């Protein structure tokens, strides 16, 4: 027989979530989804696993290296476990909901599984909650999604929420128009290596160096970008970013906005303005999102909150008061106390010491013939 220690051993990156933490997660997810629903986002629930060719189609291709594969014993076709829910919601939008009026506003929450974690997020299974706005190519759609995801964090009590806006398509467009395709140069821009960019950029070095200098607060960044003589496609990207910043500032003036015009890593399938969400004094990102093509054809923008990071940033709610109800107590009494906000824990054996049983079951109160009595929880 397997010993208890080995029975509790789980693969790296996977863990059991125990009562208090599980309750905290459920409460946070409920609040986030309620926030999205109040703004017209309707919830969908895609399956945890589906055929590989549909799961990894379009935007899903960016998650191919992170998807677990299994053989379906019924169809004998390969299936994949989702590593990200956004491509699944996009699939639902362009297939089952293809006839619904646009823009289509959808929300989701669920677990994802990845082949391996990262240094900042070692967990291989974690929760996601997010929104997708599908069928609009407007800057207003970009701003709505970024603001709504950010304000969901604010509503949870996260302080100093900031949106770091990026243009993952700007540098590729710029290098293409300047006929520059040096991968070393692209890598230097990704790593913000100003010396290498100056050395590798050739005649474009001053322009590329200016893009690096624009990284920072949004107003300052837009001022620097606005002075640059960019080729037409790159200029259009800059102008779109400026429009989104203006809209976000009008919708949520208290949010902190920064801009990183050269950031591309982690936004492989995005086709326009993208963003990452952070909180003050928090090391990791709380969420990210941006513009993409749903089903490879339909304009869309979305945001995903990473619930493991969000839960670590949100203080748990005060636990409800637990009341031990001795065996034989009328059910109507317990029901009445629950209606007042108590959590009732029913005794199963008559004749036991109710106060000791309440203490053993971590109840701070016990129901007696005289009413509710506080139970001392000391040793």
Foldseek 3Di string as FASTA:
>chain_A
DDDPVVVLDDPWQDHDQDDVRVVLLVVLLVLLVVLLVVVPAAEDEDDQKDAPCQCCPAPNVVQVQWWDWDQDPPPRGIMTGAQDCVLVVLVCCCPVVVPPDPQHKHKYKDKGATPAADPVRGHRIFMKIKMKGWFDPALLQQLVQVLSVQVSLVVLPFAQKAKEKEWLVQVVVQCVVVVHDDVVLLVCLQVLPLVVLCVPVPPCSVVSSLLSVLWWFDVSNLVSVVPDPTDDVNVVQSVSVVVNVVSNCVVCVPHTYTYRHSHNPPPVQADHMKIWMDGPPQDDTQKIWHWHARSNHITMIMMMGTSVSSSVRGDGDDDFAEEEEEPPDDPVVVVVVVVVGYHYDYHDDPPDDQLVVCLVVVGQWYQDPVGIDGHDNDD
